């Protein structure tokens, strides 16, 4: 929803006010009311009023979904409709013990090798498993291995800002407490509309901020030079659109990692995928048994739109038993 029209109930010819939607919760919608609206409806703190409302849909997210589809090219067919008989060309790599966390088990190390391995025209890789099996931790560890190669650039996208911040915090811990390689220094993209007070100081250190330390400080979007100076970029799926108009060639990112993929609609998950080239390794992680996106269309529900990556050729499956994770790489 974008905005709401409000008028007194059963009052013909009364003034109609427009209010912006601040947030939407399970059982209520929180609005931002102007002082003129509050005065006209005689609203004060803790007062109640019965009004007529008309919700106006925000078309922008739908337009962005359509734009994602329009941006797809021939190089994206192997991601959206992978050939089961084709596995692509993939180089074998070896884990470097001094790079990775010693708490990783052999299964997680195998996943990291699979994620970090360069590939050409390979289908996307899907890592899924129940809560607590270390999917996000393993994905973040893979960034360390990817960054060792000077030719690699990685884009990490998540469904929510909180999940994106987790990746930044893990990399910050690696850089400061473990004296990690500087190539892992992330660039965190935030919308300029976001309040700085809602973001931790630990994360803000890796954000672009104008007038830092002043009353007018605010997040700013990156320029092409900002992106070129970083080998690791972290963003939500929606904010990855900020990279569209930078004249970055498809394949600029050697790896595109989508965390929380099961919580996003397929058209939302396509946002960073439009930046992929034939050389880009695409990885989806998530748990389709946990929270899924809200789908209201009967046609979309019948088409399994809640699962953005259901058709992918390779899956890494983790056993439900958290103490005994195992992996299986097989065709689906």
C-alpha atoms as a PDB file:
ATOM      1  CA  UNK A   1       0.000   0.000   0.000  1.00  0.00           C
ATOM      2  CA  UNK A   2       1.118   3.532  -0.716  1.00  0.00           C
ATOM      3  CA  UNK A   3      -1.421   5.872   0.844  1.00  0.00           C
ATOM      4  CA  UNK A   4      -4.902   6.005   2.367  1.00  0.00           C
ATOM      5  CA  UNK A   5      -7.786   8.425   1.807  1.00  0.00           C
ATOM      6  CA  UNK A   6      -9.666   9.227   5.029  1.00  0.00           C
ATOM      7  CA  UNK A   7     -13.033  10.931   5.546  1.00  0.00           C
ATOM      8  CA  UNK A   8     -15.594  11.143   8.319  1.00  0.00           C
ATOM      9  CA  UNK A   9     -18.074   8.274   8.248  1.00  0.00           C
ATOM     10  CA  UNK A  10     -21.540   9.066   6.840  1.00  0.00           C
ATOM     11  CA  UNK A  11     -20.610  12.684   6.268  1.00  0.00           C
ATOM     12  CA  UNK A  12     -21.430  13.767   2.722  1.00  0.00           C
ATOM     13  CA  UNK A  13     -19.305  16.556   1.358  1.00  0.00           C
ATOM     14  CA  UNK A  14     -16.790  16.333   4.175  1.00  0.00           C
ATOM     15  CA  UNK A  15     -13.111  16.966   3.665  1.00  0.00           C
ATOM     16  CA  UNK A  16     -11.049  13.997   2.423  1.00  0.00           C
ATOM     17  CA  UNK A  17      -7.517  13.643   3.765  1.00  0.00           C
ATOM     18  CA  UNK A  18      -4.613  11.605   2.440  1.00  0.00           C
ATOM     19  CA  UNK A  19      -2.260   9.789   4.803  1.00  0.00           C
ATOM     20  CA  UNK A  20       0.921   7.871   4.084  1.00  0.00           C
ATOM     21  CA  UNK A  21       1.259   4.267   5.215  1.00  0.00           C
ATOM     22  CA  UNK A  22       4.045   4.022   7.771  1.00  0.00           C
ATOM     23  CA  UNK A  23       3.967   0.245   8.271  1.00  0.00           C
ATOM     24  CA  UNK A  24       1.714  -2.769   7.831  1.00  0.00           C
ATOM     25  CA  UNK A  25       1.374  -5.368  10.586  1.00  0.00           C
ATOM     26  CA  UNK A  26      -0.683  -8.544  10.860  1.00  0.00           C
ATOM     27  CA  UNK A  27      -3.788  -6.925  12.320  1.00  0.00           C
ATOM     28  CA  UNK A  28      -3.315  -3.192  11.832  1.00  0.00           C
ATOM     29  CA  UNK A  29      -2.037  -0.507   9.483  1.00  0.00           C
ATOM     30  CA  UNK A  30      -0.065   2.385  10.971  1.00  0.00           C
ATOM     31  CA  UNK A  31      -0.543   5.737   9.219  1.00  0.00           C
ATOM     32  CA  UNK A  32       1.220   9.087   9.290  1.00  0.00           C
ATOM     33  CA  UNK A  33      -1.455  11.745   9.810  1.00  0.00           C
ATOM     34  CA  UNK A  34      -0.874  15.419   9.122  1.00  0.00           C
ATOM     35  CA  UNK A  35      -1.748  18.024  11.720  1.00  0.00           C
ATOM     36  CA  UNK A  36      -4.503  19.297   9.425  1.00  0.00           C
ATOM     37  CA  UNK A  37      -6.029  15.808   9.255  1.00  0.00           C
ATOM     38  CA  UNK A  38      -5.931  15.413  13.028  1.00  0.00           C
ATOM     39  CA  UNK A  39      -7.557  18.810  13.460  1.00  0.00           C
ATOM     40  CA  UNK A  40     -10.282  18.124  10.894  1.00  0.00           C
ATOM     41  CA  UNK A  41     -11.156  14.741  12.424  1.00  0.00           C
ATOM     42  CA  UNK A  42     -10.819  16.061  15.977  1.00  0.00           C
ATOM     43  CA  UNK A  43      -8.127  13.526  16.813  1.00  0.00           C
ATOM     44  CA  UNK A  44      -5.999  13.801  19.923  1.00  0.00           C
ATOM     45  CA  UNK A  45      -3.713  11.422  21.787  1.00  0.00           C
ATOM     46  CA  UNK A  46      -5.495   8.190  22.782  1.00  0.00           C
ATOM     47  CA  UNK A  47      -8.712   9.239  21.032  1.00  0.00           C
ATOM     48  CA  UNK A  48     -10.842   7.034  18.773  1.00  0.00           C
ATOM     49  CA  UNK A  49     -12.679   7.900  15.578  1.00  0.00           C
ATOM     50  CA  UNK A  50     -14.767   6.008  13.046  1.00  0.00           C
ATOM     51  CA  UNK A  51     -13.831   6.955   9.493  1.00  0.00           C
ATOM     52  CA  UNK A  52     -14.210   5.763   5.928  1.00  0.00           C
ATOM     53  CA  UNK A  53     -10.934   4.764   4.288  1.00  0.00           C
ATOM     54  CA  UNK A  54      -9.815   3.928   0.782  1.00  0.00           C
ATOM     55  CA  UNK A  55      -6.456   2.268   0.264  1.00  0.00           C
ATOM     56  CA  UNK A  56      -4.337   3.169  -2.762  1.00  0.00           C
ATOM     57  CA  UNK A  57      -1.903   0.558  -3.966  1.00  0.00           C
ATOM     58  CA  UNK A  58       1.717   1.490  -4.552  1.00  0.00           C
ATOM     59  CA  UNK A  59       2.434   0.494  -8.153  1.00  0.00           C
ATOM     60  CA  UNK A  60       6.204   0.922  -7.870  1.00  0.00           C
ATOM     61  CA  UNK A  61       7.017  -2.600  -6.552  1.00  0.00           C
ATOM     62  CA  UNK A  62       4.910  -4.158  -9.313  1.00  0.00           C
ATOM     63  CA  UNK A  63       6.595  -2.005 -11.955  1.00  0.00           C
ATOM     64  CA  UNK A  64      10.000  -3.038 -10.609  1.00  0.00           C
ATOM     65  CA  UNK A  65       9.020  -6.712 -10.844  1.00  0.00           C
ATOM     66  CA  UNK A  66       8.041  -6.234 -14.484  1.00  0.00           C
ATOM     67  CA  UNK A  67      11.294  -4.363 -15.103  1.00  0.00           C
ATOM     68  CA  UNK A  68      13.281  -7.283 -13.668  1.00  0.00           C
ATOM     69  CA  UNK A  69      11.712  -9.587 -16.228  1.00  0.00           C
ATOM     70  CA  UNK A  70      12.313  -7.099 -19.054  1.00  0.00           C
ATOM     71  CA  UNK A  71      16.019  -6.956 -18.168  1.00  0.00           C
ATOM     72  CA  UNK A  72      16.537 -10.704 -18.555  1.00  0.00           C
ATOM     73  CA  UNK A  73      18.647 -11.849 -21.493  1.00  0.00           C
ATOM     74  CA  UNK A  74      19.779 -15.101 -23.158  1.00  0.00           C
ATOM     75  CA  UNK A  75      22.550 -15.527 -20.575  1.00  0.00           C
ATOM     76  CA  UNK A  76      19.937 -15.902 -17.839  1.00  0.00           C
ATOM     77  CA  UNK A  77      18.190 -18.912 -19.354  1.00  0.00           C
ATOM     78  CA  UNK A  78      20.610 -21.327 -17.665  1.00  0.00           C
ATOM     79  CA  UNK A  79      19.632 -19.774 -14.295  1.00  0.00           C
ATOM     80  CA  UNK A  80      15.864 -19.704 -14.767  1.00  0.00           C
ATOM     81  CA  UNK A  81      15.479 -22.862 -16.850  1.00  0.00           C
ATOM     82  CA  UNK A  82      18.632 -24.947 -16.323  1.00  0.00           C
ATOM     83  CA  UNK A  83      19.260 -27.990 -18.473  1.00  0.00           C
ATOM     84  CA  UNK A  84      19.276 -31.073 -16.275  1.00  0.00           C
ATOM     85  CA  UNK A  85      21.749 -32.775 -18.598  1.00  0.00           C
ATOM     86  CA  UNK A  86      24.194 -29.856 -18.534  1.00  0.00           C
ATOM     87  CA  UNK A  87      26.411 -29.157 -15.539  1.00  0.00           C
ATOM     88  CA  UNK A  88      28.592 -26.440 -17.061  1.00  0.00           C
ATOM     89  CA  UNK A  89      32.347 -26.108 -16.721  1.00  0.00           C
ATOM     90  CA  UNK A  90      33.569 -25.813 -13.155  1.00  0.00           C
ATOM     91  CA  UNK A  91      37.098 -25.600 -11.790  1.00  0.00           C
ATOM     92  CA  UNK A  92      38.043 -27.503  -8.669  1.00  0.00           C
ATOM     93  CA  UNK A  93      39.470 -25.411  -5.852  1.00  0.00           C
ATOM     94  CA  UNK A  94      40.835 -26.173  -2.427  1.00  0.00           C
ATOM     95  CA  UNK A  95      39.981 -24.591   0.891  1.00  0.00           C
ATOM     96  CA  UNK A  96      42.679 -22.556   2.586  1.00  0.00           C
ATOM     97  CA  UNK A  97      42.758 -23.406   6.318  1.00  0.00           C
ATOM     98  CA  UNK A  98      44.049 -19.970   7.321  1.00  0.00           C
ATOM     99  CA  UNK A  99      41.060 -18.311   5.624  1.00  0.00           C
ATOM    100  CA  UNK A 100      38.166 -20.305   7.071  1.00  0.00           C
ATOM    101  CA  UNK A 101      36.789 -20.657  10.586  1.00  0.00           C
ATOM    102  CA  UNK A 102      38.147 -23.806  12.296  1.00  0.00           C
ATOM    103  CA  UNK A 103      34.637 -24.630  13.582  1.00  0.00           C
ATOM    104  CA  UNK A 104      33.484 -25.557  10.066  1.00  0.00           C
ATOM    105  CA  UNK A 105      32.803 -29.246   9.554  1.00  0.00           C
ATOM    106  CA  UNK A 106      33.743 -31.159   6.407  1.00  0.00           C
ATOM    107  CA  UNK A 107      30.272 -30.872   4.903  1.00  0.00           C
ATOM    108  CA  UNK A 108      30.292 -27.096   5.256  1.00  0.00           C
ATOM    109  CA  UNK A 109      33.773 -26.941   3.746  1.00  0.00           C
ATOM    110  CA  UNK A 110      32.560 -28.942   0.770  1.00  0.00           C
ATOM    111  CA  UNK A 111      29.717 -26.471   0.290  1.00  0.00           C
ATOM    112  CA  UNK A 112      32.192 -23.574   0.391  1.00  0.00           C
ATOM    113  CA  UNK A 113      34.348 -25.229  -2.258  1.00  0.00           C
ATOM    114  CA  UNK A 114      31.284 -25.704  -4.437  1.00  0.00           C
ATOM    115  CA  UNK A 115      30.210 -22.073  -4.001  1.00  0.00           C
ATOM    116  CA  UNK A 116      33.646 -20.559  -4.568  1.00  0.00           C
ATOM    117  CA  UNK A 117      34.583 -22.696  -7.577  1.00  0.00           C
ATOM    118  CA  UNK A 118      34.602 -20.658 -10.826  1.00  0.00           C
ATOM    119  CA  UNK A 119      32.163 -21.911 -13.425  1.00  0.00           C
ATOM    120  CA  UNK A 120      30.957 -21.158 -16.931  1.00  0.00           C
ATOM    121  CA  UNK A 121      27.293 -21.600 -17.916  1.00  0.00           C
ATOM    122  CA  UNK A 122      26.640 -23.630 -14.757  1.00  0.00           C
ATOM    123  CA  UNK A 123      23.125 -23.885 -13.303  1.00  0.00           C
ATOM    124  CA  UNK A 124      22.531 -22.108  -9.998  1.00  0.00           C
ATOM    125  CA  UNK A 125      23.426 -23.770  -6.735  1.00  0.00           C
ATOM    126  CA  UNK A 126      20.788 -24.131  -4.021  1.00  0.00           C
ATOM    127  CA  UNK A 127      21.715 -24.591  -0.363  1.00  0.00           C
ATOM    128  CA  UNK A 128      18.766 -25.283   1.891  1.00  0.00           C
ATOM    129  CA  UNK A 129      18.196 -26.714   5.324  1.00  0.00           C
ATOM    130  CA  UNK A 130      16.355 -26.117   8.603  1.00  0.00           C
ATOM    131  CA  UNK A 131      16.958 -23.252  10.985  1.00  0.00           C
ATOM    132  CA  UNK A 132      20.226 -23.455  12.911  1.00  0.00           C
ATOM    133  CA  UNK A 133      22.237 -25.525  10.434  1.00  0.00           C
ATOM    134  CA  UNK A 134      24.564 -22.622   9.650  1.00  0.00           C
ATOM    135  CA  UNK A 135      23.508 -21.689   6.124  1.00  0.00           C
ATOM    136  CA  UNK A 136      24.186 -17.964   6.540  1.00  0.00           C
ATOM    137  CA  UNK A 137      27.437 -18.623   8.417  1.00  0.00           C
ATOM    138  CA  UNK A 138      28.652 -20.995   5.700  1.00  0.00           C
ATOM    139  CA  UNK A 139      27.682 -18.558   2.943  1.00  0.00           C
ATOM    140  CA  UNK A 140      29.579 -15.782   4.694  1.00  0.00           C
ATOM    141  CA  UNK A 141      32.610 -18.036   5.078  1.00  0.00           C
ATOM    142  CA  UNK A 142      32.490 -18.669   1.330  1.00  0.00           C
ATOM    143  CA  UNK A 143      32.966 -14.935   0.772  1.00  0.00           C
ATOM    144  CA  UNK A 144      36.400 -15.217   2.395  1.00  0.00           C
ATOM    145  CA  UNK A 145      37.412 -17.957  -0.032  1.00  0.00           C
ATOM    146  CA  UNK A 146      35.970 -16.083  -3.008  1.00  0.00           C
ATOM    147  CA  UNK A 147      37.845 -12.884  -2.130  1.00  0.00           C
ATOM    148  CA  UNK A 148      41.227 -14.639  -2.276  1.00  0.00           C
ATOM    149  CA  UNK A 149      41.039 -14.537  -6.084  1.00  0.00           C
ATOM    150  CA  UNK A 150      41.741 -10.988  -7.260  1.00  0.00           C
ATOM    151  CA  UNK A 151      39.441 -11.452 -10.249  1.00  0.00           C
ATOM    152  CA  UNK A 152      36.389 -12.214  -8.107  1.00  0.00           C
ATOM    153  CA  UNK A 153      33.643  -9.834  -7.055  1.00  0.00           C
ATOM    154  CA  UNK A 154      30.705 -10.936  -4.945  1.00  0.00           C
ATOM    155  CA  UNK A 155      27.228  -9.478  -4.499  1.00  0.00           C
ATOM    156  CA  UNK A 156      25.349 -10.660  -1.392  1.00  0.00           C
ATOM    157  CA  UNK A 157      21.608 -10.029  -1.405  1.00  0.00           C
ATOM    158  CA  UNK A 158      19.019 -10.815   1.242  1.00  0.00           C
ATOM    159  CA  UNK A 159      15.276 -10.410   1.610  1.00  0.00           C
ATOM    160  CA  UNK A 160      15.545  -8.186   4.702  1.00  0.00           C
ATOM    161  CA  UNK A 161      17.872  -5.478   5.995  1.00  0.00           C
ATOM    162  CA  UNK A 162      18.464  -7.373   9.234  1.00  0.00           C
ATOM    163  CA  UNK A 163      19.756 -10.399   7.319  1.00  0.00           C
ATOM    164  CA  UNK A 164      22.030  -8.204   5.197  1.00  0.00           C
ATOM    165  CA  UNK A 165      23.421  -6.585   8.341  1.00  0.00           C
ATOM    166  CA  UNK A 166      24.274 -10.019   9.745  1.00  0.00           C
ATOM    167  CA  UNK A 167      26.630 -10.595   6.809  1.00  0.00           C
ATOM    168  CA  UNK A 168      28.262  -7.200   7.382  1.00  0.00           C
ATOM    169  CA  UNK A 169      28.687  -7.921  11.100  1.00  0.00           C
ATOM    170  CA  UNK A 170      30.275 -11.311  10.394  1.00  0.00           C
ATOM    171  CA  UNK A 171      32.711  -9.749   7.936  1.00  0.00           C
ATOM    172  CA  UNK A 172      33.471  -6.947  10.401  1.00  0.00           C
ATOM    173  CA  UNK A 173      34.317  -9.517  13.068  1.00  0.00           C
ATOM    174  CA  UNK A 174      36.565 -11.346  10.609  1.00  0.00           C
ATOM    175  CA  UNK A 175      38.366  -8.153   9.556  1.00  0.00           C
ATOM    176  CA  UNK A 176      38.936  -6.715  13.035  1.00  0.00           C
ATOM    177  CA  UNK A 177      39.184  -9.652  15.411  1.00  0.00           C
ATOM    178  CA  UNK A 178      40.843 -12.116  13.053  1.00  0.00           C
ATOM    179  CA  UNK A 179      42.818  -9.594  10.979  1.00  0.00           C
ATOM    180  CA  UNK A 180      41.219 -10.880   7.800  1.00  0.00           C
ATOM    181  CA  UNK A 181      42.140  -9.969   4.252  1.00  0.00           C
ATOM    182  CA  UNK A 182      41.060  -6.427   3.354  1.00  0.00           C
ATOM    183  CA  UNK A 183      39.428  -7.642   0.141  1.00  0.00           C
ATOM    184  CA  UNK A 184      36.528  -8.793   2.335  1.00  0.00           C
ATOM    185  CA  UNK A 185      35.720  -5.203   3.339  1.00  0.00           C
ATOM    186  CA  UNK A 186      32.046  -4.882   2.366  1.00  0.00           C
ATOM    187  CA  UNK A 187      30.098  -2.021   0.849  1.00  0.00           C
ATOM    188  CA  UNK A 188      26.654  -1.950   2.446  1.00  0.00           C
ATOM    189  CA  UNK A 189      23.985  -0.254   0.323  1.00  0.00           C
ATOM    190  CA  UNK A 190      21.153   1.495   2.147  1.00  0.00           C
ATOM    191  CA  UNK A 191      18.343   3.644   0.806  1.00  0.00           C
ATOM    192  CA  UNK A 192      18.761   7.373   1.547  1.00  0.00           C
ATOM    193  CA  UNK A 193      15.289   7.238   3.120  1.00  0.00           C
ATOM    194  CA  UNK A 194      16.516   5.002   5.922  1.00  0.00           C
ATOM    195  CA  UNK A 195      17.037   6.660   9.303  1.00  0.00           C
ATOM    196  CA  UNK A 196      20.628   6.334  10.486  1.00  0.00           C
ATOM    197  CA  UNK A 197      19.429   5.816  14.047  1.00  0.00           C
ATOM    198  CA  UNK A 198      17.947   2.452  13.032  1.00  0.00           C
ATOM    199  CA  UNK A 199      21.328   1.066  11.944  1.00  0.00           C
ATOM    200  CA  UNK A 200      24.107  -0.028  14.301  1.00  0.00           C
ATOM    201  CA  UNK A 201      27.431   1.808  14.357  1.00  0.00           C
ATOM    202  CA  UNK A 202      29.127  -1.452  13.407  1.00  0.00           C
ATOM    203  CA  UNK A 203      27.198  -1.608  10.130  1.00  0.00           C
ATOM    204  CA  UNK A 204      27.283   2.144   9.409  1.00  0.00           C
ATOM    205  CA  UNK A 205      31.065   1.919   9.212  1.00  0.00           C
ATOM    206  CA  UNK A 206      30.647   0.165   5.857  1.00  0.00           C
ATOM    207  CA  UNK A 207      27.880   2.422   4.512  1.00  0.00           C
ATOM    208  CA  UNK A 208      28.118   5.538   2.363  1.00  0.00           C
ATOM    209  CA  UNK A 209      27.023   8.537   4.436  1.00  0.00           C
ATOM    210  CA  UNK A 210      26.926  12.215   3.518  1.00  0.00           C
ATOM    211  CA  UNK A 211      27.781  14.846   6.144  1.00  0.00           C
ATOM    212  CA  UNK A 212      28.926  12.116   8.513  1.00  0.00           C
ATOM    213  CA  UNK A 213      28.767  13.282  12.121  1.00  0.00           C
ATOM    214  CA  UNK A 214      26.564  16.287  11.351  1.00  0.00           C
ATOM    215  CA  UNK A 215      22.864  16.859  11.929  1.00  0.00           C
ATOM    216  CA  UNK A 216      22.245  16.534   8.178  1.00  0.00           C
ATOM    217  CA  UNK A 217      23.988  13.176   7.782  1.00  0.00           C
ATOM    218  CA  UNK A 218      22.160  10.648   5.621  1.00  0.00           C
ATOM    219  CA  UNK A 219      22.802   7.476   3.672  1.00  0.00           C
ATOM    220  CA  UNK A 220      23.657   7.909   0.005  1.00  0.00           C
ATOM    221  CA  UNK A 221      23.574   5.560  -2.938  1.00  0.00           C
ATOM    222  CA  UNK A 222      26.889   4.344  -4.368  1.00  0.00           C
ATOM    223  CA  UNK A 223      28.464   5.616  -7.546  1.00  0.00           C
ATOM    224  CA  UNK A 224      30.188   3.389 -10.061  1.00  0.00           C
ATOM    225  CA  UNK A 225      33.562   4.290  -8.537  1.00  0.00           C
ATOM    226  CA  UNK A 226      32.303   3.292  -5.087  1.00  0.00           C
ATOM    227  CA  UNK A 227      31.389  -0.151  -6.386  1.00  0.00           C
ATOM    228  CA  UNK A 228      34.666  -0.544  -8.266  1.00  0.00           C
ATOM    229  CA  UNK A 229      36.596   0.100  -5.049  1.00  0.00           C
ATOM    230  CA  UNK A 230      34.929  -2.830  -3.270  1.00  0.00           C
ATOM    231  CA  UNK A 231      35.096  -6.543  -4.010  1.00  0.00           C
ATOM    232  CA  UNK A 232      32.164  -7.375  -1.704  1.00  0.00           C
ATOM    233  CA  UNK A 233      28.807  -5.595  -1.978  1.00  0.00           C
ATOM    234  CA  UNK A 234      25.938  -6.292   0.448  1.00  0.00           C
ATOM    235  CA  UNK A 235      22.364  -5.228  -0.221  1.00  0.00           C
ATOM    236  CA  UNK A 236      18.742  -6.243   0.033  1.00  0.00           C
ATOM    237  CA  UNK A 237      17.150  -7.642  -3.101  1.00  0.00           C
ATOM    238  CA  UNK A 238      15.260  -4.413  -3.684  1.00  0.00           C
ATOM    239  CA  UNK A 239      18.202  -2.063  -3.158  1.00  0.00           C
ATOM    240  CA  UNK A 240      20.386  -4.033  -5.578  1.00  0.00           C
ATOM    241  CA  UNK A 241      18.513  -2.028  -8.229  1.00  0.00           C
ATOM    242  CA  UNK A 242      20.872   0.809  -7.312  1.00  0.00           C
ATOM    243  CA  UNK A 243      23.496  -1.044  -9.380  1.00  0.00           C
ATOM    244  CA  UNK A 244      21.422  -1.077 -12.571  1.00  0.00           C
ATOM    245  CA  UNK A 245      22.389   2.308 -14.025  1.00  0.00           C
ATOM    246  CA  UNK A 246      26.146   2.137 -13.404  1.00  0.00           C
ATOM    247  CA  UNK A 247      27.073   0.624 -16.758  1.00  0.00           C
ATOM    248  CA  UNK A 248      28.326  -2.531 -15.044  1.00  0.00           C
ATOM    249  CA  UNK A 249      28.635  -5.258 -17.642  1.00  0.00           C
ATOM    250  CA  UNK A 250      26.755  -8.490 -17.078  1.00  0.00           C
ATOM    251  CA  UNK A 251      29.201 -10.752 -15.347  1.00  0.00           C
ATOM    252  CA  UNK A 252      30.846  -7.906 -13.416  1.00  0.00           C
ATOM    253  CA  UNK A 253      30.126  -9.966 -10.305  1.00  0.00           C
ATOM    254  CA  UNK A 254      31.742 -13.387 -10.418  1.00  0.00           C
ATOM    255  CA  UNK A 255      29.412 -14.558  -7.628  1.00  0.00           C
ATOM    256  CA  UNK A 256      25.868 -13.530  -6.734  1.00  0.00           C
ATOM    257  CA  UNK A 257      24.757 -15.003  -3.400  1.00  0.00           C
ATOM    258  CA  UNK A 258      21.076 -14.731  -2.444  1.00  0.00           C
ATOM    259  CA  UNK A 259      20.399 -15.497   1.214  1.00  0.00           C
ATOM    260  CA  UNK A 260      16.847 -16.014   2.546  1.00  0.00           C
ATOM    261  CA  UNK A 261      15.769 -16.848  -1.014  1.00  0.00           C
ATOM    262  CA  UNK A 262      12.785 -18.885   0.191  1.00  0.00           C
ATOM    263  CA  UNK A 263      11.282 -15.770   1.792  1.00  0.00           C
ATOM    264  CA  UNK A 264      11.270 -13.782  -1.445  1.00  0.00           C
ATOM    265  CA  UNK A 265       8.987 -13.892  -4.446  1.00  0.00           C
ATOM    266  CA  UNK A 266      10.596 -15.147  -7.632  1.00  0.00           C
ATOM    267  CA  UNK A 267      10.246 -11.751  -9.320  1.00  0.00           C
ATOM    268  CA  UNK A 268      12.029 -10.104  -6.371  1.00  0.00           C
ATOM    269  CA  UNK A 269      14.827 -12.673  -6.442  1.00  0.00           C
ATOM    270  CA  UNK A 270      15.386 -11.806 -10.112  1.00  0.00           C
ATOM    271  CA  UNK A 271      16.615  -8.299  -9.222  1.00  0.00           C
ATOM    272  CA  UNK A 272      20.304  -9.182  -8.685  1.00  0.00           C
ATOM    273  CA  UNK A 273      20.137 -12.043 -11.186  1.00  0.00           C
ATOM    274  CA  UNK A 274      19.762  -9.543 -14.035  1.00  0.00           C
ATOM    275  CA  UNK A 275      23.387  -8.552 -13.319  1.00  0.00           C
ATOM    276  CA  UNK A 276      24.652 -12.107 -13.882  1.00  0.00           C
ATOM    277  CA  UNK A 277      26.708 -13.124 -16.892  1.00  0.00           C
ATOM    278  CA  UNK A 278      27.783 -16.471 -18.299  1.00  0.00           C
ATOM    279  CA  UNK A 279      30.704 -16.513 -15.849  1.00  0.00           C
ATOM    280  CA  UNK A 280      28.634 -15.693 -12.743  1.00  0.00           C
ATOM    281  CA  UNK A 281      28.130 -18.358 -10.077  1.00  0.00           C
ATOM    282  CA  UNK A 282      24.615 -17.896  -8.670  1.00  0.00           C
ATOM    283  CA  UNK A 283      23.826 -19.349  -5.237  1.00  0.00           C
ATOM    284  CA  UNK A 284      20.492 -19.423  -3.410  1.00  0.00           C
ATOM    285  CA  UNK A 285      20.211 -20.322   0.272  1.00  0.00           C
ATOM    286  CA  UNK A 286      17.179 -20.621   2.502  1.00  0.00           C
ATOM    287  CA  UNK A 287      14.601 -22.919   4.026  1.00  0.00           C
ATOM    288  CA  UNK A 288      11.313 -23.285   2.164  1.00  0.00           C
ATOM    289  CA  UNK A 289       9.820 -24.882   5.296  1.00  0.00           C
ATOM    290  CA  UNK A 290      10.224 -21.633   7.239  1.00  0.00           C
ATOM    291  CA  UNK A 291       8.455 -18.324   6.604  1.00  0.00           C
ATOM    292  CA  UNK A 292       7.447 -17.877   2.964  1.00  0.00           C
ATOM    293  CA  UNK A 293       6.326 -14.731   1.152  1.00  0.00           C
ATOM    294  CA  UNK A 294       2.646 -13.798   1.243  1.00  0.00           C
ATOM    295  CA  UNK A 295       0.964 -14.815  -2.000  1.00  0.00           C
ATOM    296  CA  UNK A 296      -2.668 -13.769  -2.474  1.00  0.00           C
ATOM    297  CA  UNK A 297      -3.309 -14.628  -6.129  1.00  0.00           C
ATOM    298  CA  UNK A 298      -4.936 -18.084  -6.622  1.00  0.00           C
ATOM    299  CA  UNK A 299      -3.119 -18.442  -9.956  1.00  0.00           C
ATOM    300  CA  UNK A 300       0.239 -17.655  -8.357  1.00  0.00           C
ATOM    301  CA  UNK A 301      -0.397 -20.094  -5.518  1.00  0.00           C
ATOM    302  CA  UNK A 302      -1.198 -22.882  -7.952  1.00  0.00           C
ATOM    303  CA  UNK A 303       2.058 -22.152  -9.775  1.00  0.00           C
ATOM    304  CA  UNK A 304       4.236 -22.552  -6.668  1.00  0.00           C
ATOM    305  CA  UNK A 305       5.326 -18.920  -6.786  1.00  0.00           C
ATOM    306  CA  UNK A 306       6.487 -19.133  -3.186  1.00  0.00           C
ATOM    307  CA  UNK A 307       9.548 -21.106  -4.240  1.00  0.00           C
ATOM    308  CA  UNK A 308      11.787 -18.978  -6.452  1.00  0.00           C
ATOM    309  CA  UNK A 309      14.400 -21.641  -7.129  1.00  0.00           C
ATOM    310  CA  UNK A 310      12.488 -24.910  -7.247  1.00  0.00           C
ATOM    311  CA  UNK A 311      13.717 -26.021 -10.668  1.00  0.00           C
ATOM    312  CA  UNK A 312      17.457 -25.652 -10.164  1.00  0.00           C
ATOM    313  CA  UNK A 313      19.725 -28.476 -11.269  1.00  0.00           C
ATOM    314  CA  UNK A 314      21.880 -28.836  -8.178  1.00  0.00           C
ATOM    315  CA  UNK A 315      20.801 -28.968  -4.570  1.00  0.00           C
ATOM    316  CA  UNK A 316      22.799 -29.263  -1.408  1.00  0.00           C
ATOM    317  CA  UNK A 317      20.579 -30.877   1.190  1.00  0.00           C
ATOM    318  CA  UNK A 318      21.277 -30.777   4.878  1.00  0.00           C
ATOM    319  CA  UNK A 319      19.829 -33.407   7.145  1.00  0.00           C
ATOM    320  CA  UNK A 320      17.115 -32.271   9.529  1.00  0.00           C
ATOM    321  CA  UNK A 321      19.283 -33.514  12.368  1.00  0.00           C
ATOM    322  CA  UNK A 322      21.374 -30.443  13.221  1.00  0.00           C
ATOM    323  CA  UNK A 323      24.080 -32.487  14.893  1.00  0.00           C
ATOM    324  CA  UNK A 324      24.679 -34.641  11.839  1.00  0.00           C
ATOM    325  CA  UNK A 325      24.508 -32.444   8.746  1.00  0.00           C
ATOM    326  CA  UNK A 326      25.147 -34.138   5.437  1.00  0.00           C
ATOM    327  CA  UNK A 327      25.085 -32.986   1.851  1.00  0.00           C
ATOM    328  CA  UNK A 328      23.873 -34.514  -1.358  1.00  0.00           C
ATOM    329  CA  UNK A 329      24.531 -33.047  -4.776  1.00  0.00           C
ATOM    330  CA  UNK A 330      22.094 -34.474  -7.274  1.00  0.00           C
ATOM    331  CA  UNK A 331      19.890 -33.624 -10.218  1.00  0.00           C
ATOM    332  CA  UNK A 332      16.295 -32.754  -9.433  1.00  0.00           C
END
